[in-house]
Amino acid sequence: RLMIQDISKAYFFAPATRDIYIELPPEEAEPGMVGKLEKSLYGTRDAALSWAEAYTRVLLSMGFEKGRSSPCSFVHKTWDVCTVVHGDDFLSEGPIENLLKMKAGLEKEFSVKTEILGPDKGQQMEVKVLNRVITWTDEGILWEPDPRHAELIIKDMGLDKAKGVITPGTKEERRAKENHGTLLEDEKASKYRAIVACMNYVAMDRLDVAFSVKEVAREMSKPT
């Protein structure tokens, strides 16, 4: 099963790691008084790092091991559960009975909203992870990219009413640079790079456009 969890007001669960003083709200303020943070506050420089340290501590205490190449990846070898953390969102995979153990462990420390992808009672047939749509089907798990990025690309390119076609990639030699046209003006070049960056995000989930995105990305430095 897949388990998706969102931590409510995550930073407020992370102990402050240095002395930070703040002005108190009017209803709490007294002359000459300020407040000293005991927990991390949104907008402070080290809040995200403090939160990462807080959830890492909790996961390690539950028996998880932190990834060597990515500190946001965790594995519990005994439970056969793998977890990836993105900000205050957890995506975990493993046997349902062990996912529920993880759920109970996190709920002891944080305020957690949990959804489990699956066909059983109390589980969801469709969930969203970072705006990606994940659906449970009879054939397997369907993973759809965030449709908004494709819609933005189509709109920015003025292709709202265009029809899609399949154009195969070729290995023919690239034309000489002088035949590529003139360099785009700064404003248009910035727009080109923004669209390609959006395409690059889409390509992580849309393998069918990966080659095309790679080709347009080659012109990022000096688009024509």
C-alpha atoms as a PDB file:
ATOM      1  CA  ARG A   1       0.000   0.000   0.000  1.00  0.00           C
ATOM      2  CA  LEU A   2       0.929   3.643  -0.371  1.00  0.00           C
ATOM      3  CA  MET A   3       0.460   6.013   2.583  1.00  0.00           C
ATOM      4  CA  ILE A   4       0.342   9.784   2.113  1.00  0.00           C
ATOM      5  CA  GLN A   5       0.689  11.996   5.181  1.00  0.00           C
ATOM      6  CA  ASP A   6       0.604  15.736   5.714  1.00  0.00           C
ATOM      7  CA  ILE A   7       1.885  17.278   8.943  1.00  0.00           C
ATOM      8  CA  SER A   8      -0.247  20.225  10.069  1.00  0.00           C
ATOM      9  CA  LYS A   9       1.760  23.296  11.164  1.00  0.00           C
ATOM     10  CA  ALA A  10       4.924  21.210  10.944  1.00  0.00           C
ATOM     11  CA  TYR A  11       7.425  23.912  11.963  1.00  0.00           C
ATOM     12  CA  PHE A  12       5.658  24.440  15.284  1.00  0.00           C
ATOM     13  CA  PHE A  13       6.689  20.902  16.313  1.00  0.00           C
ATOM     14  CA  ALA A  14      10.397  21.629  15.797  1.00  0.00           C
ATOM     15  CA  PRO A  15      12.302  22.954  18.851  1.00  0.00           C
ATOM     16  CA  ALA A  16      14.108  26.232  18.244  1.00  0.00           C
ATOM     17  CA  THR A  17      17.836  25.605  17.834  1.00  0.00           C
ATOM     18  CA  ARG A  18      18.999  29.118  18.761  1.00  0.00           C
ATOM     19  CA  ASP A  19      17.801  32.093  20.784  1.00  0.00           C
ATOM     20  CA  ILE A  20      15.245  34.078  18.759  1.00  0.00           C
ATOM     21  CA  TYR A  21      13.178  36.881  20.264  1.00  0.00           C
ATOM     22  CA  ILE A  22      10.020  38.282  18.684  1.00  0.00           C
ATOM     23  CA  GLU A  23       7.641  41.147  19.250  1.00  0.00           C
ATOM     24  CA  LEU A  24       4.482  39.878  20.935  1.00  0.00           C
ATOM     25  CA  PRO A  25       1.036  40.360  19.389  1.00  0.00           C
ATOM     26  CA  PRO A  26      -0.944  43.294  20.834  1.00  0.00           C
ATOM     27  CA  GLU A  27      -3.224  41.110  22.960  1.00  0.00           C
ATOM     28  CA  GLU A  28      -0.184  39.529  24.682  1.00  0.00           C
ATOM     29  CA  ALA A  29       2.227  42.461  24.731  1.00  0.00           C
ATOM     30  CA  GLU A  30       3.337  44.245  27.900  1.00  0.00           C
ATOM     31  CA  PRO A  31       5.608  47.290  28.050  1.00  0.00           C
ATOM     32  CA  GLY A  32       9.240  46.298  27.598  1.00  0.00           C
ATOM     33  CA  MET A  33       8.421  42.615  27.052  1.00  0.00           C
ATOM     34  CA  VAL A  34       9.296  40.392  24.083  1.00  0.00           C
ATOM     35  CA  GLY A  35       8.839  36.676  23.439  1.00  0.00           C
ATOM     36  CA  LYS A  36      11.511  33.984  23.191  1.00  0.00           C
ATOM     37  CA  LEU A  37      10.716  31.155  20.783  1.00  0.00           C
ATOM     38  CA  GLU A  38      10.653  27.624  22.135  1.00  0.00           C
ATOM     39  CA  LYS A  39       9.523  26.190  18.783  1.00  0.00           C
ATOM     40  CA  SER A  40      10.394  27.125  15.212  1.00  0.00           C
ATOM     41  CA  LEU A  41       8.377  29.891  13.594  1.00  0.00           C
ATOM     42  CA  TYR A  42       7.429  30.148   9.927  1.00  0.00           C
ATOM     43  CA  GLY A  43       9.527  32.816   8.229  1.00  0.00           C
ATOM     44  CA  THR A  44      12.615  32.361  10.403  1.00  0.00           C
ATOM     45  CA  ARG A  45      15.816  31.413   8.663  1.00  0.00           C
ATOM     46  CA  ASP A  46      16.452  28.033  10.287  1.00  0.00           C
ATOM     47  CA  ALA A  47      12.844  26.774  10.642  1.00  0.00           C
ATOM     48  CA  ALA A  48      13.076  24.296   7.746  1.00  0.00           C
ATOM     49  CA  LEU A  49      16.350  22.836   9.032  1.00  0.00           C
ATOM     50  CA  SER A  50      14.931  22.521  12.550  1.00  0.00           C
ATOM     51  CA  TRP A  51      11.859  20.714  11.182  1.00  0.00           C
ATOM     52  CA  ALA A  52      14.080  18.310   9.204  1.00  0.00           C
ATOM     53  CA  GLU A  53      16.018  17.531  12.363  1.00  0.00           C
ATOM     54  CA  ALA A  54      12.755  16.969  14.269  1.00  0.00           C
ATOM     55  CA  TYR A  55      11.191  14.448  11.865  1.00  0.00           C
ATOM     56  CA  THR A  56      14.545  12.721  11.335  1.00  0.00           C
ATOM     57  CA  ARG A  57      14.868  12.215  15.084  1.00  0.00           C
ATOM     58  CA  VAL A  58      11.363  10.715  15.266  1.00  0.00           C
ATOM     59  CA  LEU A  59      11.875   8.376  12.307  1.00  0.00           C
ATOM     60  CA  LEU A  60      15.244   7.176  13.607  1.00  0.00           C
ATOM     61  CA  SER A  61      13.692   6.448  17.007  1.00  0.00           C
ATOM     62  CA  MET A  62      11.125   4.249  15.231  1.00  0.00           C
ATOM     63  CA  GLY A  63      13.890   2.166  13.624  1.00  0.00           C
ATOM     64  CA  PHE A  64      14.221   3.872  10.237  1.00  0.00           C
ATOM     65  CA  GLU A  65      17.593   4.403   8.581  1.00  0.00           C
ATOM     66  CA  LYS A  66      18.349   7.665   6.781  1.00  0.00           C
ATOM     67  CA  GLY A  67      19.357   7.544   3.129  1.00  0.00           C
ATOM     68  CA  ARG A  68      23.038   7.966   2.349  1.00  0.00           C
ATOM     69  CA  SER A  69      22.606  10.035  -0.808  1.00  0.00           C
ATOM     70  CA  SER A  70      19.403  11.830   0.218  1.00  0.00           C
ATOM     71  CA  PRO A  71      18.611  12.785   3.822  1.00  0.00           C
ATOM     72  CA  CYS A  72      14.921  12.929   2.832  1.00  0.00           C
ATOM     73  CA  SER A  73      14.748   9.181   2.113  1.00  0.00           C
ATOM     74  CA  PHE A  74      14.280   6.578   4.841  1.00  0.00           C
ATOM     75  CA  VAL A  75      13.931   2.804   5.024  1.00  0.00           C
ATOM     76  CA  HIS A  76      12.780   0.524   7.837  1.00  0.00           C
ATOM     77  CA  LYS A  77      14.307  -2.849   6.963  1.00  0.00           C
ATOM     78  CA  THR A  78      12.371  -4.798   9.596  1.00  0.00           C
ATOM     79  CA  TRP A  79       9.005  -3.327   8.589  1.00  0.00           C
ATOM     80  CA  ASP A  80       9.868  -3.298   4.858  1.00  0.00           C
ATOM     81  CA  VAL A  81       8.704   0.341   4.668  1.00  0.00           C
ATOM     82  CA  CYS A  82      10.279   3.021   2.487  1.00  0.00           C
ATOM     83  CA  THR A  83       9.554   6.721   3.033  1.00  0.00           C
ATOM     84  CA  VAL A  84      10.332   9.942   1.189  1.00  0.00           C
ATOM     85  CA  VAL A  85       9.793  13.317   2.895  1.00  0.00           C
ATOM     86  CA  HIS A  86       9.147  16.525   0.957  1.00  0.00           C
ATOM     87  CA  GLY A  87       8.745  19.460   3.326  1.00  0.00           C
ATOM     88  CA  ASP A  88       5.851  18.415   5.556  1.00  0.00           C
ATOM     89  CA  ASP A  89       4.592  15.640   3.230  1.00  0.00           C
ATOM     90  CA  PHE A  90       5.443  11.958   3.736  1.00  0.00           C
ATOM     91  CA  LEU A  91       5.030   9.306   1.014  1.00  0.00           C
ATOM     92  CA  SER A  92       5.509   5.756   2.306  1.00  0.00           C
ATOM     93  CA  GLU A  93       5.236   2.277   0.770  1.00  0.00           C
ATOM     94  CA  GLY A  94       5.029  -1.056   2.515  1.00  0.00           C
ATOM     95  CA  PRO A  95       2.755  -3.695   4.097  1.00  0.00           C
ATOM     96  CA  ILE A  96      -0.402  -2.109   5.499  1.00  0.00           C
ATOM     97  CA  GLU A  97       0.111  -3.412   9.044  1.00  0.00           C
ATOM     98  CA  ASN A  98       3.537  -1.751   9.210  1.00  0.00           C
ATOM     99  CA  LEU A  99       2.358   1.463   7.604  1.00  0.00           C
ATOM    100  CA  LEU A 100      -0.170   1.695  10.427  1.00  0.00           C
ATOM    101  CA  LYS A 101       2.656   1.263  12.956  1.00  0.00           C
ATOM    102  CA  MET A 102       4.451   4.203  11.335  1.00  0.00           C
ATOM    103  CA  LYS A 103       1.214   6.204  11.384  1.00  0.00           C
ATOM    104  CA  ALA A 104       0.803   5.588  15.110  1.00  0.00           C
ATOM    105  CA  GLY A 105       4.409   6.580  15.768  1.00  0.00           C
ATOM    106  CA  LEU A 106       4.103   9.879  13.902  1.00  0.00           C
ATOM    107  CA  GLU A 107       0.775  10.702  15.568  1.00  0.00           C
ATOM    108  CA  LYS A 108       2.454  10.497  18.987  1.00  0.00           C
ATOM    109  CA  GLU A 109       4.695  13.419  17.982  1.00  0.00           C
ATOM    110  CA  PHE A 110       2.848  15.449  15.348  1.00  0.00           C
ATOM    111  CA  SER A 111      -0.590  16.436  14.103  1.00  0.00           C
ATOM    112  CA  VAL A 112      -0.989  14.180  11.069  1.00  0.00           C
ATOM    113  CA  LYS A 113      -3.504  13.869   8.247  1.00  0.00           C
ATOM    114  CA  THR A 114      -3.241  10.400   6.654  1.00  0.00           C
ATOM    115  CA  GLU A 115      -4.572   8.846   3.457  1.00  0.00           C
ATOM    116  CA  ILE A 116      -3.859   5.280   2.324  1.00  0.00           C
ATOM    117  CA  LEU A 117      -4.117   4.283  -1.313  1.00  0.00           C
ATOM    118  CA  GLY A 118      -5.816   0.920  -1.736  1.00  0.00           C
ATOM    119  CA  PRO A 119      -9.058  -0.968  -2.391  1.00  0.00           C
ATOM    120  CA  ASP A 120      -9.922  -1.871   1.204  1.00  0.00           C
ATOM    121  CA  LYS A 121     -12.423  -0.232   3.529  1.00  0.00           C
ATOM    122  CA  GLY A 122     -11.226   3.138   4.783  1.00  0.00           C
ATOM    123  CA  GLN A 123      -8.664   3.437   1.981  1.00  0.00           C
ATOM    124  CA  GLN A 124      -8.728   5.778  -1.012  1.00  0.00           C
ATOM    125  CA  MET A 125      -8.810   4.755  -4.666  1.00  0.00           C
ATOM    126  CA  GLU A 126      -7.224   8.075  -5.651  1.00  0.00           C
ATOM    127  CA  VAL A 127      -4.868  10.444  -3.835  1.00  0.00           C
ATOM    128  CA  LYS A 128      -2.670  13.447  -4.655  1.00  0.00           C
ATOM    129  CA  VAL A 129       1.030  13.770  -3.907  1.00  0.00           C
ATOM    130  CA  LEU A 130       2.578  17.170  -4.723  1.00  0.00           C
ATOM    131  CA  ASN A 131      -0.342  17.655  -7.137  1.00  0.00           C
ATOM    132  CA  ARG A 132       0.432  14.378  -8.896  1.00  0.00           C
ATOM    133  CA  VAL A 133      -2.638  12.149  -9.113  1.00  0.00           C
ATOM    134  CA  ILE A 134      -2.109   8.517  -8.039  1.00  0.00           C
ATOM    135  CA  THR A 135      -4.944   6.060  -8.731  1.00  0.00           C
ATOM    136  CA  TRP A 136      -5.461   2.436  -7.661  1.00  0.00           C
ATOM    137  CA  THR A 137      -6.684   0.332 -10.602  1.00  0.00           C
ATOM    138  CA  ASP A 138      -7.248  -3.372 -11.281  1.00  0.00           C
ATOM    139  CA  GLU A 139      -4.126  -3.377 -13.458  1.00  0.00           C
ATOM    140  CA  GLY A 140      -1.879  -1.572 -10.993  1.00  0.00           C
ATOM    141  CA  ILE A 141      -1.080   1.924  -9.732  1.00  0.00           C
ATOM    142  CA  LEU A 142      -1.559   4.794 -12.187  1.00  0.00           C
ATOM    143  CA  TRP A 143       0.706   7.818 -11.669  1.00  0.00           C
ATOM    144  CA  GLU A 144      -0.329  11.019 -13.470  1.00  0.00           C
ATOM    145  CA  PRO A 145       1.763  14.204 -13.626  1.00  0.00           C
ATOM    146  CA  ASP A 146       0.392  17.512 -12.421  1.00  0.00           C
ATOM    147  CA  PRO A 147      -1.798  18.634 -15.356  1.00  0.00           C
ATOM    148  CA  ARG A 148      -1.384  22.326 -14.502  1.00  0.00           C
ATOM    149  CA  HIS A 149       2.165  22.484 -15.857  1.00  0.00           C
ATOM    150  CA  ALA A 150       1.157  21.136 -19.260  1.00  0.00           C
ATOM    151  CA  GLU A 151      -1.757  23.585 -19.320  1.00  0.00           C
ATOM    152  CA  LEU A 152       0.589  26.496 -18.524  1.00  0.00           C
ATOM    153  CA  ILE A 153       2.978  25.466 -21.304  1.00  0.00           C
ATOM    154  CA  ILE A 154       0.146  25.250 -23.825  1.00  0.00           C
ATOM    155  CA  LYS A 155      -1.169  28.663 -22.756  1.00  0.00           C
ATOM    156  CA  ASP A 156       2.246  30.372 -22.821  1.00  0.00           C
ATOM    157  CA  MET A 157       2.950  28.966 -26.282  1.00  0.00           C
ATOM    158  CA  GLY A 158      -0.420  30.168 -27.598  1.00  0.00           C
ATOM    159  CA  LEU A 159      -1.408  26.589 -28.493  1.00  0.00           C
ATOM    160  CA  ASP A 160      -4.793  26.514 -26.751  1.00  0.00           C
ATOM    161  CA  LYS A 161      -6.621  25.590 -29.969  1.00  0.00           C
ATOM    162  CA  ALA A 162      -3.850  23.547 -31.583  1.00  0.00           C
ATOM    163  CA  LYS A 163      -4.051  19.820 -32.292  1.00  0.00           C
ATOM    164  CA  GLY A 164      -1.380  17.462 -31.008  1.00  0.00           C
ATOM    165  CA  VAL A 165       0.799  15.479 -33.412  1.00  0.00           C
ATOM    166  CA  ILE A 166       3.482  12.852 -32.942  1.00  0.00           C
ATOM    167  CA  THR A 167       6.836  13.866 -34.445  1.00  0.00           C
ATOM    168  CA  PRO A 168       9.633  11.271 -34.238  1.00  0.00           C
ATOM    169  CA  GLY A 169      13.103  12.327 -33.196  1.00  0.00           C
ATOM    170  CA  THR A 170      15.925  11.822 -35.704  1.00  0.00           C
ATOM    171  CA  LYS A 171      19.674  11.395 -35.500  1.00  0.00           C
ATOM    172  CA  GLU A 172      20.486  13.627 -38.463  1.00  0.00           C
ATOM    173  CA  GLU A 173      23.266  16.127 -37.908  1.00  0.00           C
ATOM    174  CA  ARG A 174      22.285  19.407 -36.330  1.00  0.00           C
ATOM    175  CA  ARG A 175      22.264  22.410 -38.594  1.00  0.00           C
ATOM    176  CA  ALA A 176      25.120  24.884 -38.383  1.00  0.00           C
ATOM    177  CA  LYS A 177      24.538  27.433 -35.669  1.00  0.00           C
ATOM    178  CA  GLU A 178      24.414  30.343 -38.121  1.00  0.00           C
ATOM    179  CA  ASN A 179      21.318  28.775 -39.694  1.00  0.00           C
ATOM    180  CA  HIS A 180      19.464  28.598 -36.416  1.00  0.00           C
ATOM    181  CA  GLY A 181      18.239  32.185 -36.607  1.00  0.00           C
ATOM    182  CA  THR A 182      18.944  35.284 -34.564  1.00  0.00           C
ATOM    183  CA  LEU A 183      19.213  35.300 -30.787  1.00  0.00           C
ATOM    184  CA  LEU A 184      16.013  36.062 -28.930  1.00  0.00           C
ATOM    185  CA  GLU A 185      15.630  39.362 -27.106  1.00  0.00           C
ATOM    186  CA  ASP A 186      16.172  39.199 -23.344  1.00  0.00           C
ATOM    187  CA  GLU A 187      12.437  39.182 -22.525  1.00  0.00           C
ATOM    188  CA  LYS A 188      11.654  36.406 -25.007  1.00  0.00           C
ATOM    189  CA  ALA A 189      14.743  34.448 -23.959  1.00  0.00           C
ATOM    190  CA  SER A 190      13.567  34.569 -20.332  1.00  0.00           C
ATOM    191  CA  LYS A 191      10.135  33.330 -21.395  1.00  0.00           C
ATOM    192  CA  TYR A 192      11.736  30.495 -23.380  1.00  0.00           C
ATOM    193  CA  ARG A 193      13.771  29.404 -20.354  1.00  0.00           C
ATOM    194  CA  ALA A 194      10.718  29.566 -18.100  1.00  0.00           C
ATOM    195  CA  ILE A 195       8.714  27.345 -20.459  1.00  0.00           C
ATOM    196  CA  VAL A 196      11.567  24.844 -20.794  1.00  0.00           C
ATOM    197  CA  ALA A 197      11.958  24.710 -17.002  1.00  0.00           C
ATOM    198  CA  CYS A 198       8.262  23.886 -16.763  1.00  0.00           C
ATOM    199  CA  MET A 199       8.711  21.204 -19.448  1.00  0.00           C
ATOM    200  CA  ASN A 200      11.613  19.751 -17.495  1.00  0.00           C
ATOM    201  CA  TYR A 201       9.360  19.320 -14.451  1.00  0.00           C
ATOM    202  CA  VAL A 202       6.696  17.596 -16.571  1.00  0.00           C
ATOM    203  CA  ALA A 203       9.295  15.277 -18.134  1.00  0.00           C
ATOM    204  CA  MET A 204      10.029  13.660 -14.758  1.00  0.00           C
ATOM    205  CA  ASP A 205       6.606  11.979 -15.014  1.00  0.00           C
ATOM    206  CA  ARG A 206       6.035  12.056 -18.798  1.00  0.00           C
ATOM    207  CA  LEU A 207       8.722   9.816 -20.254  1.00  0.00           C
ATOM    208  CA  ASP A 208       7.091  10.148 -23.679  1.00  0.00           C
ATOM    209  CA  VAL A 209       8.221  13.795 -23.899  1.00  0.00           C
ATOM    210  CA  ALA A 210      11.662  13.357 -22.301  1.00  0.00           C
ATOM    211  CA  PHE A 211      13.533  13.339 -25.633  1.00  0.00           C
ATOM    212  CA  SER A 212      11.723  16.458 -26.873  1.00  0.00           C
ATOM    213  CA  VAL A 213      12.408  18.301 -23.639  1.00  0.00           C
ATOM    214  CA  LYS A 214      16.067  17.351 -23.810  1.00  0.00           C
ATOM    215  CA  GLU A 215      16.277  18.833 -27.296  1.00  0.00           C
ATOM    216  CA  VAL A 216      14.726  22.194 -26.375  1.00  0.00           C
ATOM    217  CA  ALA A 217      16.819  22.340 -23.207  1.00  0.00           C
ATOM    218  CA  ARG A 218      19.989  22.313 -25.348  1.00  0.00           C
ATOM    219  CA  GLU A 219      19.151  25.859 -26.449  1.00  0.00           C
ATOM    220  CA  MET A 220      18.634  27.245 -22.921  1.00  0.00           C
ATOM    221  CA  SER A 221      21.800  29.352 -22.848  1.00  0.00           C
ATOM    222  CA  LYS A 222      21.307  31.108 -26.190  1.00  0.00           C
ATOM    223  CA  PRO A 223      17.787  30.521 -27.537  1.00  0.00           C
ATOM    224  CA  THR A 224      17.041  31.696 -31.083  1.00  0.00           C
END
